[in-house]
Protein backbone atom coordinates (compact mmCIF):
# COMPACT_ATOMS: atom_id res chain seq x y z
CA UNK A 1 11.54 -14.86 -37.70
CA UNK A 2 11.86 -10.85 -38.63
CA UNK A 3 8.00 -10.66 -37.96
CA UNK A 4 8.04 -12.29 -34.86
CA UNK A 5 10.75 -9.76 -33.23
CA UNK A 6 9.28 -6.84 -34.80
CA UNK A 7 6.33 -8.19 -32.67
CA UNK A 8 8.07 -9.07 -29.64
CA UNK A 9 9.35 -5.05 -29.22
CA UNK A 10 6.19 -3.83 -30.50
CA UNK A 11 5.08 -5.38 -26.98
CA UNK A 12 8.01 -4.16 -25.10
CA UNK A 13 7.36 -0.87 -26.75
CA UNK A 14 3.85 -0.67 -25.48
CA UNK A 15 5.01 -1.88 -21.85
CA UNK A 16 7.56 0.72 -21.28
CA UNK A 17 4.83 3.52 -22.64
CA UNK A 18 2.30 2.31 -20.44
CA UNK A 19 4.55 2.52 -17.64
CA UNK A 20 5.69 6.26 -18.85
CA UNK A 21 1.98 7.01 -19.52
CA UNK A 22 1.18 6.26 -16.10
CA UNK A 23 3.87 8.27 -14.55
CA UNK A 24 2.96 11.11 -17.00
CA UNK A 25 -0.42 11.58 -15.81
CA UNK A 26 -0.04 11.12 -11.85
CA UNK A 27 -3.20 12.37 -10.30
CA UNK A 28 -1.57 15.03 -7.95
CA UNK A 29 1.89 16.61 -9.46
CA UNK A 30 2.76 16.43 -6.26
CA UNK A 31 3.47 12.89 -5.92
CA UNK A 32 4.88 12.16 -9.20
CA UNK A 33 5.73 8.12 -8.12
CA UNK A 34 2.55 7.40 -6.63
CA UNK A 35 1.05 5.21 -9.05
CA UNK A 36 -2.32 4.51 -7.73
CA UNK A 37 -5.53 5.60 -8.90
CA UNK A 38 -6.42 6.42 -5.18
CA UNK A 39 -5.11 10.11 -4.21
CA UNK A 40 -2.35 10.06 -1.78
CA UNK A 41 -3.41 11.33 1.21
CA UNK A 42 -0.82 11.65 3.74
CA UNK A 43 -1.92 10.59 6.98
CA UNK A 44 -5.55 9.46 8.23
CA UNK A 45 -7.47 12.24 9.12
CA UNK A 46 -8.68 11.49 12.70
CA UNK A 47 -11.77 12.47 12.22
CA UNK A 48 -12.72 10.10 9.63
CA UNK A 49 -12.17 7.53 11.87
CA UNK A 50 -12.91 8.38 15.25
CA UNK A 51 -15.76 10.48 16.90
CA UNK A 52 -15.03 9.84 20.20
CA UNK A 53 -12.88 12.22 22.64
CA UNK A 54 -10.08 14.04 21.50
CA UNK A 55 -6.61 11.79 21.17
CA UNK A 56 -3.11 12.25 21.72
CA UNK A 57 -1.36 11.39 18.48
CA UNK A 58 1.50 11.48 19.68
CA UNK A 59 4.08 9.40 21.60
CA UNK A 60 1.68 9.10 24.88
CA UNK A 61 -0.58 7.53 22.16
CA UNK A 62 1.68 4.45 22.60
CA UNK A 63 0.45 1.43 24.23
CA UNK A 64 0.40 1.71 28.26
CA UNK A 65 0.89 -1.52 29.09
CA UNK A 66 2.11 -5.14 27.80
CA UNK A 67 -2.01 -6.08 27.76
CA UNK A 68 -2.46 -3.19 26.18
CA UNK A 69 0.37 -3.51 23.50
CA UNK A 70 -0.81 -7.27 22.70
CA UNK A 71 -4.31 -6.35 22.06
CA UNK A 72 -3.17 -3.55 19.94
CA UNK A 73 -1.33 -5.92 17.96
CA UNK A 74 -4.17 -8.52 17.68
CA UNK A 75 -6.78 -5.96 16.23
CA UNK A 76 -4.36 -4.23 13.50
CA UNK A 77 -3.25 -7.51 12.36
CA UNK A 78 -6.30 -7.73 9.22
CA UNK A 79 -5.49 -11.57 9.49
CA UNK A 80 -8.05 -11.26 13.33
CA UNK A 81 -11.42 -11.12 11.64
CA UNK A 82 -13.30 -8.09 12.39
CA UNK A 83 -15.89 -9.79 14.37
CA UNK A 84 -13.17 -11.41 16.59
CA UNK A 85 -11.80 -8.19 16.97
CA UNK A 86 -15.15 -6.90 18.36
CA UNK A 87 -15.40 -9.39 21.32
CA UNK A 88 -11.68 -8.97 21.94
CA UNK A 89 -12.43 -4.97 22.52
CA UNK A 90 -15.83 -5.70 24.17
CA UNK A 91 -13.97 -7.78 26.98
CA UNK A 92 -11.42 -5.11 27.11
CA UNK A 93 -13.62 -1.99 27.51
CA UNK A 94 -15.36 -2.22 30.31
CA UNK A 95 -15.75 -1.17 33.71
CA UNK A 96 -17.84 2.07 34.87
CA UNK A 97 -18.68 4.61 32.51
CA UNK A 98 -15.71 6.75 32.83
CA UNK A 99 -12.97 3.41 33.31
CA UNK A 100 -14.85 2.65 29.78
CA UNK A 101 -13.99 5.80 28.66
CA UNK A 102 -10.78 6.25 29.61
CA UNK A 103 -9.80 2.97 28.20
CA UNK A 104 -11.72 3.07 24.75
CA UNK A 105 -9.85 6.06 24.08
CA UNK A 106 -6.25 5.01 25.34
CA UNK A 107 -6.90 1.55 22.86
CA UNK A 108 -8.36 3.70 20.03
CA UNK A 109 -5.45 6.08 20.20
CA UNK A 110 -3.02 3.17 20.28
CA UNK A 111 -4.28 1.76 17.39
CA UNK A 112 -4.46 4.88 15.31
CA UNK A 113 -0.55 5.24 16.12
CA UNK A 114 0.09 1.80 15.21
CA UNK A 115 -2.01 2.21 12.20
CA UNK A 116 -1.65 5.28 10.72
CA UNK A 117 2.55 4.61 10.84
CA UNK A 118 1.77 1.14 8.65
CA UNK A 119 -0.49 3.14 6.12
CA UNK A 120 2.57 5.38 6.08
CA UNK A 121 4.99 2.57 5.64
CA UNK A 122 2.67 0.95 3.12
CA UNK A 123 2.26 4.19 0.69
CA UNK A 124 6.09 4.38 0.91
CA UNK A 125 6.81 1.26 -0.21
CA UNK A 126 4.54 1.80 -3.29
CA UNK A 127 6.32 4.70 -4.02
CA UNK A 128 9.52 2.75 -4.03
CA UNK A 129 7.98 -0.06 -6.13
CA UNK A 130 6.94 2.93 -8.62
CA UNK A 131 10.38 4.25 -8.65
CA UNK A 132 11.66 0.81 -9.41
CA UNK A 133 9.38 0.20 -12.16
CA UNK A 134 10.52 3.37 -14.03
CA UNK A 135 14.03 2.39 -13.60
CA UNK A 136 13.40 -0.90 -15.12
CA UNK A 137 11.26 0.55 -17.89
CA UNK A 138 14.26 2.57 -19.02
CA UNK A 139 16.70 -0.06 -18.60
CA UNK A 140 14.19 -2.14 -20.91
CA UNK A 141 14.28 0.73 -23.63
CA UNK A 142 18.12 1.06 -23.65
CA UNK A 143 18.25 -2.59 -24.31
CA UNK A 144 15.74 -2.06 -26.99
CA UNK A 145 17.81 0.32 -28.55
CA UNK A 146 20.88 -1.68 -28.50
CA UNK A 147 18.74 -4.80 -30.15
CA UNK A 148 17.67 -2.32 -33.21
CA UNK A 149 21.28 -1.48 -33.47
CA UNK A 150 22.37 -4.61 -34.01
CA UNK A 151 19.49 -5.46 -35.83
CA UNK A 152 19.86 -3.09 -38.58
CA UNK A 153 23.31 -3.65 -39.12
CA UNK A 154 23.68 -6.07 -42.24
CA UNK A 155 26.61 -8.32 -40.27
CA UNK A 156 24.82 -7.68 -36.93
CA UNK A 157 25.89 -10.61 -34.48
CA UNK A 158 22.78 -13.00 -34.19
CA UNK A 159 24.28 -14.47 -31.00
CA UNK A 160 24.16 -11.29 -29.50
CA UNK A 161 20.33 -10.40 -30.64
CA UNK A 162 19.87 -13.93 -29.47
CA UNK A 163 20.98 -13.11 -26.31
CA UNK A 164 19.42 -9.84 -26.13
CA UNK A 165 16.08 -10.91 -27.28
CA UNK A 166 16.09 -13.60 -24.16
CA UNK A 167 17.10 -10.87 -21.73
CA UNK A 168 14.61 -8.65 -22.79
CA UNK A 169 11.58 -11.01 -22.81
CA UNK A 170 12.71 -12.20 -19.34
CA UNK A 171 12.94 -8.29 -18.42
CA UNK A 172 9.46 -7.45 -19.67
CA UNK A 173 7.92 -10.33 -18.22
CA UNK A 174 8.90 -9.52 -14.69
CA UNK A 175 7.69 -5.69 -15.60
CA UNK A 176 4.30 -7.06 -16.49
CA UNK A 177 3.82 -9.44 -13.76
CA UNK A 178 4.98 -6.28 -11.04
CA UNK A 179 2.65 -4.10 -13.16
CA UNK A 180 -0.20 -5.99 -12.55
CA UNK A 181 0.08 -6.51 -9.19
CA UNK A 182 0.13 -2.54 -8.55
CA UNK A 183 -4.16 -2.96 -8.13
CA UNK A 184 -3.32 -5.07 -4.89
CA UNK A 185 -0.87 -3.17 -3.34
CA UNK A 186 -2.69 0.18 -4.32
CA UNK A 187 -5.70 -0.88 -2.16
CA UNK A 188 -3.66 -1.70 1.28
CA UNK A 189 -3.86 1.85 2.47
CA UNK A 190 -7.55 1.78 1.81
CA UNK A 191 -7.76 -1.51 3.72
CA UNK A 192 -5.78 0.09 6.68
CA UNK A 193 -8.08 2.69 6.96
CA UNK A 194 -10.87 0.96 6.51
CA UNK A 195 -10.14 -0.93 9.23
CA UNK A 196 -9.08 1.71 11.56
CA UNK A 197 -12.80 2.69 10.83
CA UNK A 198 -14.25 -0.24 12.02
CA UNK A 199 -12.15 -0.37 15.31
CA UNK A 200 -12.56 2.82 16.21
CA UNK A 201 -16.52 2.01 15.96
CA UNK A 202 -16.30 -1.45 17.68
CA UNK A 203 -14.63 0.73 20.48
CA UNK A 204 -17.45 3.38 20.49
CA UNK A 205 -19.52 0.78 20.92
CA UNK A 206 -17.75 -0.68 24.06
CA UNK A 207 -17.40 2.32 25.26
CA UNK A 208 -21.22 3.41 25.23
CA UNK A 209 -22.83 0.15 26.40
CA UNK A 210 -24.90 0.49 29.49
CA UNK A 211 -24.29 3.79 29.50
CA UNK A 212 -27.33 3.89 31.79
CA UNK A 213 -25.18 2.46 34.65
CA UNK A 214 -22.77 5.03 36.45
């Protein structure tokens, strides 16, 4: 039983050390709460996702009407397959060359505003998640120290030892489960940026369609 508890404590300490190592060796010291291997880049650079006419990234980038707002919502949702998104864009960006340019540019501006804000929200959530993990690691460390204190006493309360051991097992399991999900959540900002790039390409294709016509 003593050996089992020592191994249990080693596993807990290893989990805590892993968390501390990840935070201590942050890829960018400006963002100590950023837990991802991908560098944190606040804001999507327009030039990296759009090669069309310049766009307004301020308040004027919001959808101009209900129809465009509904389209932006559908296109921004990752549950909408990109092939379906291309069809929706092709059906919307129609008319003369000038009309297509106007519609396409306004549509991308609204998509950029929506997805860039969505990406920021996700990144802020990742950092909140990281801070909670650090706090959880600190709580576990304190519980481990308390357990060791009791175990070191010749007349330590075994009931309290059992309670602490059970609580630590549960806390560590939650901590590890959350840690394992980090790689998934870290991919989300990248997926959002890639989707915006793909949508931008589809809009530009629609804008340039039938370019020989007036």
